[in-house]
Amino acid sequence: EPFWRDLPFTDICKVICHDTLHGLHKVFKDHTAQWSINHIAPFEIENRVQWLPKTPGFCHFSGGIFKISQWSGREEKDLKCIFLPCLSGAQTSGVIIVTHAEMDFIYTAGWKMLVENDLECMTNYSKKLHQHKDAFLQTEDYGGWELDHFNIPKVHGWHHYPENIHWLGAPYYYSTEISEKYHIEGAKKAHKATNRKDYLKQMLLWLIRQEKIYLHDSSFAGVLMNSQSHQIQIHNLMALCQTMVPQVRRWRELRKKP
């Protein structure tokens, strides 16, 4: 039983701020993608993913997606870029509609600026998603997670995104993705630079040195920009002098004439 059940005038969806990283991106990978894959022969979806051509700037799942034990945020986002085309022709129209509506909802919620028309579109995407979600129960199961209900708090929270955006603004600015991306800089890279023995002290020392290098580069770049601006000013002055010298000589010659 949730602790807020008997609290008066309490709506937990208004108390807890929605997070696009855990409430949208991870939900797609953990639930929607898994439900869709469960109803396709494993070799079919693996072949489709592996046969896609490589695209610069995007992850290529050359080893498939079933062997990935720990997904990064970038991999989850890049999966959405290829997932819908990979389902085409292998799934029912209902599953395609649900997946398409959810992806439209996720991408719209990730915009940096949202207006009333965008919120209406998000509401329509959510309605379409819940209207056709039973398609996951009507397809053949190839062995995976048994799906018999949709009582998932994060999925229910999609109904409250538009009103939450009215109060707090675009979810992009209060997503935990902004802070969690520094796990790579502050934890993974720092740990990789150690010898795995007494690594905490080594990680702190590495971070301190990286900060000093950053400050040195910033100050050096400022000095360089100032020197470059001075050089530009000197160059402009010399160019002006070169244009003025012939005119001054001509003026002197004209004065010498009777």
Protein backbone atom coordinates (compact mmCIF):
# COMPACT_ATOMS: atom_id res chain seq x y z
CA GLU A 1 0.00 0.00 0.00
CA PRO A 2 1.47 3.40 -0.92
CA PHE A 3 2.01 5.74 2.01
CA TRP A 4 0.02 8.55 0.38
CA ARG A 5 -3.14 6.53 -0.21
CA ASP A 6 -5.05 7.93 2.80
CA LEU A 7 -3.55 11.43 2.74
CA PRO A 8 -6.24 14.01 1.91
CA PHE A 9 -5.95 16.16 -1.21
CA THR A 10 -2.85 14.26 -2.37
CA ASP A 11 -2.10 13.43 -5.99
CA ILE A 12 1.30 11.75 -6.13
CA CYS A 13 1.64 12.56 -9.85
CA LYS A 14 1.58 16.25 -8.89
CA VAL A 15 3.98 15.80 -5.98
CA ILE A 16 6.68 13.89 -7.89
CA CYS A 17 8.25 15.73 -10.81
CA HIS A 18 8.28 13.68 -14.02
CA ASP A 19 11.68 12.65 -15.34
CA THR A 20 12.11 12.05 -19.07
CA LEU A 21 15.17 9.82 -18.63
CA HIS A 22 13.59 7.25 -16.30
CA GLY A 23 9.94 7.95 -17.09
CA LEU A 24 10.17 7.90 -20.89
CA HIS A 25 13.46 6.67 -22.36
CA LYS A 26 13.99 3.77 -19.95
CA VAL A 27 10.29 2.85 -20.00
CA PHE A 28 10.46 2.49 -23.76
CA LYS A 29 13.44 0.14 -23.58
CA ASP A 30 12.28 -1.84 -20.52
CA HIS A 31 8.61 -2.20 -21.47
CA THR A 32 7.50 -1.23 -24.97
CA ALA A 33 10.58 -2.57 -26.75
CA GLN A 34 10.52 -5.75 -24.67
CA TRP A 35 6.82 -6.35 -25.33
CA SER A 36 7.37 -5.90 -29.05
CA ILE A 37 10.43 -8.16 -29.16
CA ASN A 38 8.67 -10.89 -27.19
CA HIS A 39 6.22 -11.30 -30.06
CA ILE A 40 8.86 -11.60 -32.78
CA ALA A 41 11.19 -14.53 -33.36
CA PRO A 42 14.53 -13.55 -31.70
CA PHE A 43 16.61 -14.25 -34.81
CA GLU A 44 14.29 -12.04 -36.88
CA ILE A 45 14.74 -8.85 -34.84
CA GLU A 46 18.47 -9.55 -34.36
CA ASN A 47 19.03 -9.92 -38.10
CA ARG A 48 17.12 -6.74 -38.85
CA VAL A 49 19.12 -4.73 -36.32
CA GLN A 50 22.50 -6.11 -37.43
CA TRP A 51 21.85 -5.64 -41.15
CA LEU A 52 21.18 -1.92 -40.85
CA PRO A 53 23.94 0.22 -42.43
CA LYS A 54 26.21 2.16 -40.11
CA THR A 55 25.38 5.83 -39.65
CA PRO A 56 27.97 8.34 -38.35
CA GLY A 57 27.05 9.68 -34.93
CA PHE A 58 24.76 6.77 -34.01
CA CYS A 59 25.36 3.43 -32.31
CA HIS A 60 25.38 0.40 -34.58
CA PHE A 61 24.21 -2.77 -32.85
CA SER A 62 26.46 -5.10 -34.82
CA GLY A 63 26.31 -7.68 -32.03
CA GLY A 64 22.56 -7.47 -31.70
CA ILE A 65 20.56 -6.12 -28.77
CA PHE A 66 19.99 -9.28 -26.73
CA LYS A 67 23.64 -9.52 -25.66
CA ILE A 68 23.73 -6.02 -24.14
CA SER A 69 23.60 -6.42 -20.36
CA GLN A 70 23.92 -2.76 -19.37
CA TRP A 71 22.43 -0.09 -21.59
CA SER A 72 23.71 3.46 -21.72
CA GLY A 73 21.46 6.46 -22.26
CA ARG A 74 22.86 6.98 -25.75
CA GLU A 75 22.18 3.36 -26.74
CA GLU A 76 18.60 3.62 -25.51
CA LYS A 77 18.06 6.77 -27.58
CA ASP A 78 19.69 5.33 -30.68
CA LEU A 79 17.56 2.19 -30.35
CA LYS A 80 14.44 4.31 -30.78
CA CYS A 81 15.85 5.70 -34.05
CA ILE A 82 15.89 2.24 -35.65
CA PHE A 83 13.28 0.32 -33.68
CA LEU A 84 10.15 1.28 -35.60
CA PRO A 85 11.61 0.44 -39.06
CA CYS A 86 12.82 -2.90 -37.67
CA LEU A 87 9.27 -3.74 -36.55
CA SER A 88 7.75 -2.91 -39.93
CA GLY A 89 6.40 -6.05 -41.57
CA ALA A 90 7.14 -8.22 -38.53
CA GLN A 91 4.45 -6.91 -36.19
CA THR A 92 0.74 -6.20 -36.34
CA SER A 93 -0.59 -2.77 -37.22
CA GLY A 94 -1.78 -2.28 -33.63
CA VAL A 95 1.72 -2.70 -32.21
CA ILE A 96 3.12 -0.34 -34.84
CA ILE A 97 0.50 2.30 -33.92
CA VAL A 98 1.28 2.02 -30.20
CA THR A 99 5.04 2.20 -30.75
CA HIS A 100 4.69 5.13 -33.14
CA ALA A 101 2.46 7.06 -30.71
CA GLU A 102 4.84 6.47 -27.81
CA MET A 103 7.86 7.63 -29.79
CA ASP A 104 6.01 10.78 -30.88
CA PHE A 105 5.15 11.42 -27.23
CA ILE A 106 8.76 10.94 -26.08
CA TYR A 107 10.30 13.13 -28.77
CA THR A 108 7.75 15.91 -28.20
CA ALA A 109 8.35 15.85 -24.43
CA GLY A 110 12.08 16.26 -25.07
CA TRP A 111 11.77 19.60 -26.85
CA LYS A 112 13.32 22.63 -25.17
CA MET A 113 10.24 24.77 -25.75
CA LEU A 114 6.60 23.63 -25.76
CA VAL A 115 3.42 25.54 -26.59
CA GLU A 116 -0.28 24.71 -26.16
CA ASN A 117 -0.48 22.98 -29.53
CA ASP A 118 2.38 20.67 -28.53
CA LEU A 119 0.63 19.76 -25.27
CA GLU A 120 -2.54 18.91 -27.19
CA CYS A 121 -0.49 16.66 -29.47
CA MET A 122 1.03 14.92 -26.43
CA THR A 123 -2.47 14.33 -25.03
CA ASN A 124 -3.59 12.83 -28.35
CA TYR A 125 -0.50 10.60 -28.50
CA SER A 126 -1.22 9.35 -24.98
CA LYS A 127 -4.87 8.62 -25.83
CA LYS A 128 -3.88 6.73 -28.97
CA LEU A 129 -1.30 4.73 -27.02
CA HIS A 130 -3.78 3.62 -24.35
CA GLN A 131 -6.45 2.99 -26.96
CA HIS A 132 -4.35 0.45 -28.89
CA LYS A 133 -2.11 -0.97 -26.14
CA ASP A 134 -4.14 -4.19 -26.00
CA ALA A 135 -2.43 -5.13 -29.26
CA PHE A 136 0.46 -6.46 -27.17
CA LEU A 137 -1.93 -9.03 -25.64
CA GLN A 138 -3.28 -10.25 -28.97
CA THR A 139 -0.05 -11.39 -30.63
CA GLU A 140 1.84 -14.66 -30.42
CA ASP A 141 4.38 -14.88 -27.61
CA TYR A 142 7.80 -16.36 -28.45
CA GLY A 143 8.81 -16.69 -24.83
CA GLY A 144 9.72 -13.72 -22.70
CA TRP A 145 7.98 -11.58 -20.16
CA GLU A 146 4.39 -12.65 -19.68
CA LEU A 147 2.21 -9.58 -20.13
CA ASP A 148 -1.24 -9.69 -18.53
CA HIS A 149 -1.74 -6.10 -17.31
CA PHE A 150 -0.61 -2.52 -17.82
CA ASN A 151 -0.67 -1.38 -14.19
CA ILE A 152 2.69 0.39 -14.41
CA PRO A 153 3.03 3.69 -12.49
CA LYS A 154 5.39 5.25 -15.04
CA VAL A 155 3.02 4.45 -17.90
CA HIS A 156 0.14 5.97 -15.95
CA GLY A 157 2.25 9.08 -15.37
CA TRP A 158 2.12 9.93 -19.07
CA HIS A 159 -1.42 11.25 -18.56
CA HIS A 160 -0.04 13.94 -16.24
CA TYR A 161 2.80 15.24 -18.41
CA PRO A 162 0.82 18.10 -20.05
CA GLU A 163 -0.40 19.53 -16.73
CA ASN A 164 3.05 19.05 -15.21
CA ILE A 165 4.54 21.04 -18.09
CA HIS A 166 2.02 23.81 -17.42
CA TRP A 167 3.38 24.18 -13.88
CA LEU A 168 7.10 23.58 -14.34
CA GLY A 169 7.88 24.17 -18.00
CA ALA A 170 9.56 21.86 -20.51
CA PRO A 171 10.81 18.57 -18.92
CA TYR A 172 14.15 19.02 -20.69
CA TYR A 173 15.27 21.52 -18.03
CA TYR A 174 14.59 19.32 -14.98
CA SER A 175 15.52 15.91 -16.33
CA THR A 176 18.07 13.84 -14.40
CA GLU A 177 19.82 13.24 -17.72
CA ILE A 178 21.59 16.59 -17.27
CA SER A 179 23.27 15.44 -14.05
CA GLU A 180 23.69 11.76 -14.88
CA LYS A 181 25.71 12.46 -18.01
CA TYR A 182 28.52 13.63 -15.72
CA HIS A 183 28.85 10.09 -14.37
CA ILE A 184 31.04 9.43 -17.39
CA GLU A 185 33.33 12.41 -16.71
CA GLY A 186 33.36 12.24 -12.92
CA ALA A 187 33.25 8.50 -12.30
CA LYS A 188 33.88 6.26 -15.31
CA LYS A 189 36.82 8.17 -16.83
CA ALA A 190 38.30 8.86 -13.41
CA HIS A 191 38.11 5.19 -12.43
CA LYS A 192 39.57 4.13 -15.76
CA ALA A 193 42.62 6.33 -15.09
CA THR A 194 43.45 4.46 -11.84
CA ASN A 195 45.24 1.17 -11.26
CA ARG A 196 42.13 -0.19 -9.43
CA LYS A 197 43.96 -0.07 -6.06
CA ASP A 198 42.89 2.56 -3.54
CA TYR A 199 41.04 4.07 -6.46
CA LEU A 200 39.08 6.74 -4.53
CA LYS A 201 42.19 8.82 -3.78
CA GLN A 202 43.44 8.38 -7.33
CA MET A 203 40.07 9.42 -8.74
CA LEU A 204 40.01 12.59 -6.61
CA LEU A 205 43.59 13.43 -7.63
CA TRP A 206 42.70 12.87 -11.30
CA LEU A 207 39.64 15.14 -11.04
CA ILE A 208 41.70 17.89 -9.34
CA ARG A 209 44.29 17.72 -12.11
CA GLN A 210 41.62 17.79 -14.79
CA GLU A 211 40.12 20.89 -13.19
CA LYS A 212 43.52 22.61 -13.13
CA ILE A 213 44.11 21.74 -16.77
CA TYR A 214 40.68 23.12 -17.67
CA LEU A 215 41.33 26.38 -15.80
CA HIS A 216 44.75 26.72 -17.43
CA ASP A 217 43.30 26.12 -20.89
CA SER A 218 40.53 28.66 -20.26
CA SER A 219 42.93 31.38 -19.10
CA PHE A 220 45.37 30.62 -21.92
CA ALA A 221 42.55 30.79 -24.46
CA GLY A 222 41.54 34.20 -23.07
CA VAL A 223 45.09 35.53 -23.39
CA LEU A 224 45.31 34.11 -26.89
CA MET A 225 42.08 35.81 -27.92
CA ASN A 226 43.30 39.14 -26.54
CA SER A 227 46.63 38.84 -28.34
CA GLN A 228 44.86 37.92 -31.55
CA SER A 229 42.59 40.96 -31.22
CA HIS A 230 45.67 43.18 -30.71
CA GLN A 231 47.29 41.64 -33.77
CA ILE A 232 44.15 42.34 -35.79
CA GLN A 233 44.17 45.98 -34.63
CA ILE A 234 47.85 46.38 -35.56
CA HIS A 235 47.22 44.77 -38.93
CA ASN A 236 44.30 47.14 -39.62
CA LEU A 237 46.43 50.13 -38.58
CA MET A 238 49.26 49.07 -40.89
CA ALA A 239 46.82 48.62 -43.75
CA LEU A 240 45.45 52.10 -43.11
CA CYS A 241 48.98 53.57 -43.10
CA GLN A 242 49.81 51.84 -46.36
CA THR A 243 46.79 53.44 -48.00
CA MET A 244 47.50 56.88 -46.50
CA VAL A 245 51.23 57.09 -47.38
CA PRO A 246 50.72 57.43 -51.17
CA GLN A 247 48.07 60.09 -50.59
CA VAL A 248 50.40 62.10 -48.31
CA ARG A 249 53.22 61.90 -50.88
CA ARG A 250 50.87 63.08 -53.62
CA TRP A 251 49.72 65.99 -51.45
CA ARG A 252 53.37 67.06 -50.81
CA GLU A 253 54.18 66.95 -54.52
CA LEU A 254 51.19 69.14 -55.29
CA ARG A 255 52.31 71.71 -52.69
CA LYS A 256 55.82 71.95 -54.19
CA LYS A 257 54.46 72.93 -57.60
CA PRO A 258 54.32 76.74 -58.24
